[in-house]
Amino acid sequence: YESFKNVKVPSNVKVVPYIENMTRIMKNVDIMVSRAGASTLSEIMALNIPSILIPSPYVPDNHQFKNAMDLVNKDCALILEEKDLKGDSLVRTIDLLIKDEKKLNKMKSNLNKNSVTNSASLIYDNIKKVVGFLLGTNIGEVIAVFVAMLLWHKTPLLSMQLLWINLVTDSLPAIALGMESVEKDIMYRKPK
């Protein structure tokens, strides 16, 4: 902030110091200049904010650059690498974007198409499936062992055999559940 607070900017640009509650502010901005951390990009996408991303080059495996390029390749954001921040390059990029109404609207539209706004519902739905699956398979195993014990009056399986059955009955279907695609109509279903 200190290095930018005295830079002359157009009247439609406001440079401010660090803000604690960014989400409150983000709802009211036309464009945003930001780093490209995963959480920030999720907020940018959820709020449909056209952005100029400046990925931090000081992160492991240059992951912020990769995050930023994901949005850039979908025409949801612009990228300006820190090494290219010379003179008024940032101010010029902001000015060009904010004056291009067509580009801003296209970016907002693309952000809207690519955002996932129902992640909590998707997670909840998958948890319900996993719990239902685990209860079903484990109750079946307990019933089978209990019936066998009633009929033969001894333990029908060794502990290693029980562990193997558990491994087979829990692991493969759990992998299948994890690989299952998201149900697109989940937000249109009535609550239960």
Protein backbone atom coordinates (compact mmCIF):
# COMPACT_ATOMS: atom_id res chain seq x y z
CA TYR A 1 0.00 0.00 0.00
CA GLU A 2 2.75 2.43 0.96
CA SER A 3 4.35 2.25 -2.50
CA PHE A 4 1.02 2.85 -4.29
CA LYS A 5 -0.78 5.37 -2.08
CA ASN A 6 0.93 8.33 -3.80
CA VAL A 7 0.57 7.04 -7.36
CA LYS A 8 -1.78 9.16 -9.43
CA VAL A 9 -4.80 7.02 -10.36
CA PRO A 10 -7.99 7.75 -12.31
CA SER A 11 -10.92 9.05 -10.29
CA ASN A 12 -12.71 5.70 -10.65
CA VAL A 13 -9.90 3.84 -8.82
CA LYS A 14 -9.45 3.78 -5.06
CA VAL A 15 -6.27 2.47 -3.41
CA VAL A 16 -6.79 1.53 0.24
CA PRO A 17 -4.71 -0.15 2.98
CA TYR A 18 -5.33 -3.73 4.19
CA ILE A 19 -9.00 -4.49 4.88
CA GLU A 20 -9.98 -7.06 7.52
CA ASN A 21 -13.45 -8.00 6.19
CA MET A 22 -12.84 -8.23 2.45
CA THR A 23 -16.06 -10.04 1.57
CA ARG A 24 -18.12 -7.05 2.73
CA ILE A 25 -16.12 -4.77 0.42
CA MET A 26 -15.88 -7.24 -2.47
CA LYS A 27 -19.65 -7.17 -2.96
CA ASN A 28 -19.44 -3.49 -3.94
CA VAL A 29 -16.50 -3.35 -6.36
CA ASP A 30 -16.47 -3.23 -10.16
CA ILE A 31 -13.09 -4.94 -10.52
CA MET A 32 -10.52 -6.26 -8.12
CA VAL A 33 -6.73 -6.40 -8.12
CA SER A 34 -5.59 -9.35 -6.05
CA ARG A 35 -3.13 -12.15 -5.47
CA ALA A 36 -4.30 -15.53 -6.74
CA GLY A 37 -4.70 -17.75 -3.69
CA ALA A 38 -7.34 -20.46 -3.94
CA SER A 39 -9.65 -18.97 -1.28
CA THR A 40 -9.55 -15.52 -2.84
CA LEU A 41 -10.29 -16.94 -6.30
CA SER A 42 -13.25 -18.87 -4.87
CA GLU A 43 -14.65 -15.61 -3.48
CA ILE A 44 -13.99 -13.79 -6.76
CA MET A 45 -15.88 -16.49 -8.65
CA ALA A 46 -18.76 -16.68 -6.17
CA LEU A 47 -19.23 -12.89 -6.27
CA ASN A 48 -18.63 -12.58 -10.07
CA ILE A 49 -15.93 -9.92 -9.76
CA PRO A 50 -13.81 -9.28 -12.86
CA SER A 51 -10.22 -9.22 -11.62
CA ILE A 52 -6.64 -8.42 -12.41
CA LEU A 53 -4.62 -11.14 -10.73
CA ILE A 54 -1.03 -10.62 -9.62
CA PRO A 55 0.10 -14.09 -8.53
CA SER A 56 2.70 -14.20 -5.80
CA PRO A 57 5.98 -15.57 -7.16
CA TYR A 58 7.04 -16.44 -3.59
CA VAL A 59 4.82 -19.50 -3.14
CA PRO A 60 5.69 -23.19 -3.54
CA ASP A 61 5.49 -24.63 -7.06
CA ASN A 62 4.26 -21.26 -8.41
CA HIS A 63 0.71 -22.41 -7.60
CA GLN A 64 -0.79 -18.91 -7.59
CA PHE A 65 0.27 -18.45 -11.22
CA LYS A 66 -1.43 -21.75 -12.07
CA ASN A 67 -4.55 -20.69 -10.14
CA ALA A 68 -4.64 -17.37 -11.99
CA MET A 69 -4.14 -19.00 -15.39
CA ASP A 70 -7.16 -21.21 -14.75
CA LEU A 71 -9.36 -18.09 -14.61
CA VAL A 72 -7.46 -16.30 -17.39
CA ASN A 73 -7.90 -19.27 -19.75
CA LYS A 74 -11.66 -19.19 -19.07
CA ASP A 75 -11.71 -15.42 -19.79
CA CYS A 76 -12.73 -14.70 -16.21
CA ALA A 77 -9.73 -12.56 -15.22
CA LEU A 78 -6.59 -10.81 -16.44
CA ILE A 79 -3.10 -11.58 -15.19
CA LEU A 80 -0.26 -9.19 -14.52
CA GLU A 81 2.85 -10.84 -13.17
CA GLU A 82 4.77 -9.06 -10.42
CA LYS A 83 7.90 -8.90 -12.62
CA ASP A 84 5.85 -6.84 -15.13
CA LEU A 85 4.75 -4.23 -12.58
CA LYS A 86 6.72 -1.30 -13.90
CA GLY A 87 5.70 2.34 -13.81
CA ASP A 88 2.00 2.72 -14.29
CA SER A 89 1.39 -0.73 -15.89
CA LEU A 90 -1.14 -1.65 -13.20
CA VAL A 91 -3.00 1.67 -13.47
CA ARG A 92 -3.13 1.34 -17.28
CA THR A 93 -4.47 -2.22 -17.02
CA ILE A 94 -7.13 -1.17 -14.51
CA ASP A 95 -8.12 1.78 -16.68
CA LEU A 96 -8.34 -0.32 -19.84
CA LEU A 97 -10.49 -2.96 -18.15
CA ILE A 98 -12.84 -0.60 -16.33
CA LYS A 99 -13.52 1.36 -19.52
CA ASP A 100 -14.29 -1.79 -21.55
CA GLU A 101 -17.90 -2.53 -20.59
CA LYS A 102 -18.12 -5.39 -23.09
CA LYS A 103 -15.04 -7.12 -21.60
CA LEU A 104 -16.33 -6.61 -18.04
CA ASN A 105 -19.71 -8.13 -18.90
CA LYS A 106 -18.06 -11.07 -20.69
CA MET A 107 -15.84 -11.73 -17.66
CA LYS A 108 -18.85 -11.57 -15.30
CA SER A 109 -20.79 -13.95 -17.52
CA ASN A 110 -17.86 -16.39 -17.64
CA LEU A 111 -17.37 -16.16 -13.88
CA ASN A 112 -21.05 -16.95 -13.41
CA LYS A 113 -20.82 -19.98 -15.73
CA ASN A 114 -17.73 -21.35 -13.99
CA SER A 115 -18.57 -20.69 -10.33
CA VAL A 116 -19.73 -23.38 -7.94
CA THR A 117 -22.16 -21.76 -5.55
CA ASN A 118 -23.66 -24.92 -4.07
CA SER A 119 -20.54 -26.58 -2.66
CA ALA A 120 -22.08 -27.02 0.81
CA SER A 121 -25.03 -28.91 -0.70
CA LEU A 122 -22.69 -31.08 -2.78
CA ILE A 123 -20.58 -31.94 0.27
CA TYR A 124 -23.68 -32.68 2.36
CA ASP A 125 -25.12 -34.92 -0.35
CA ASN A 126 -21.87 -36.90 -0.61
CA ILE A 127 -21.64 -37.28 3.17
CA LYS A 128 -25.19 -38.67 3.22
CA LYS A 129 -24.26 -41.20 0.52
CA VAL A 130 -21.11 -42.30 2.36
CA VAL A 131 -22.89 -42.66 5.72
CA GLY A 132 -25.75 -44.59 4.10
CA PHE A 133 -23.29 -46.86 2.32
CA LEU A 134 -21.20 -47.52 5.44
CA LEU A 135 -24.24 -48.24 7.59
CA GLY A 136 -25.65 -50.60 4.95
CA THR A 137 -22.48 -52.61 4.45
CA ASN A 138 -21.47 -52.75 8.11
CA ILE A 139 -24.95 -53.76 9.32
CA GLY A 140 -24.91 -56.53 6.70
CA GLU A 141 -21.55 -57.77 7.95
CA VAL A 142 -22.67 -57.73 11.61
CA ILE A 143 -25.88 -59.63 10.79
CA ALA A 144 -23.98 -62.25 8.78
CA VAL A 145 -21.48 -62.87 11.62
CA PHE A 146 -24.25 -62.87 14.28
CA VAL A 147 -26.37 -65.42 12.37
CA ALA A 148 -23.32 -67.62 11.78
CA MET A 149 -22.53 -67.49 15.51
CA LEU A 150 -26.12 -68.47 16.40
CA LEU A 151 -26.08 -71.42 13.99
CA TRP A 152 -22.61 -72.78 14.83
CA HIS A 153 -22.12 -71.51 18.43
CA LYS A 154 -18.60 -70.30 17.71
CA THR A 155 -16.83 -67.50 15.88
CA PRO A 156 -17.24 -68.30 12.19
CA LEU A 157 -14.40 -66.05 11.02
CA LEU A 158 -10.96 -65.15 12.28
CA SER A 159 -10.20 -61.50 12.99
CA MET A 160 -7.98 -61.26 9.88
CA GLN A 161 -10.82 -62.60 7.75
CA LEU A 162 -13.15 -59.96 9.20
CA LEU A 163 -10.62 -57.23 8.44
CA TRP A 164 -10.28 -58.50 4.87
CA ILE A 165 -14.07 -58.49 4.40
CA ASN A 166 -14.18 -54.96 5.80
CA LEU A 167 -11.41 -53.83 3.46
CA VAL A 168 -13.13 -55.28 0.39
CA THR A 169 -16.67 -54.17 1.26
CA ASP A 170 -15.67 -50.64 2.32
CA SER A 171 -12.75 -49.64 0.09
CA LEU A 172 -13.87 -50.35 -3.46
CA PRO A 173 -17.38 -48.84 -3.13
CA ALA A 174 -15.91 -45.86 -1.22
CA ILE A 175 -13.55 -45.22 -4.13
CA ALA A 176 -16.50 -45.43 -6.51
CA LEU A 177 -18.42 -42.88 -4.39
CA GLY A 178 -15.41 -40.57 -4.40
CA MET A 179 -15.11 -40.75 -8.18
CA GLU A 180 -18.83 -40.23 -8.77
CA SER A 181 -19.72 -37.12 -10.74
CA VAL A 182 -21.71 -34.30 -9.18
CA GLU A 183 -25.45 -34.41 -9.58
CA LYS A 184 -26.38 -31.29 -11.55
CA ASP A 185 -29.97 -31.02 -10.28
CA ILE A 186 -29.12 -31.04 -6.57
CA MET A 187 -30.11 -27.39 -6.05
CA TYR A 188 -33.55 -27.97 -7.59
CA ARG A 189 -34.50 -30.80 -5.26
CA LYS A 190 -36.84 -30.03 -2.38
CA PRO A 191 -35.29 -30.31 1.11
CA LYS A 192 -36.04 -33.50 3.03
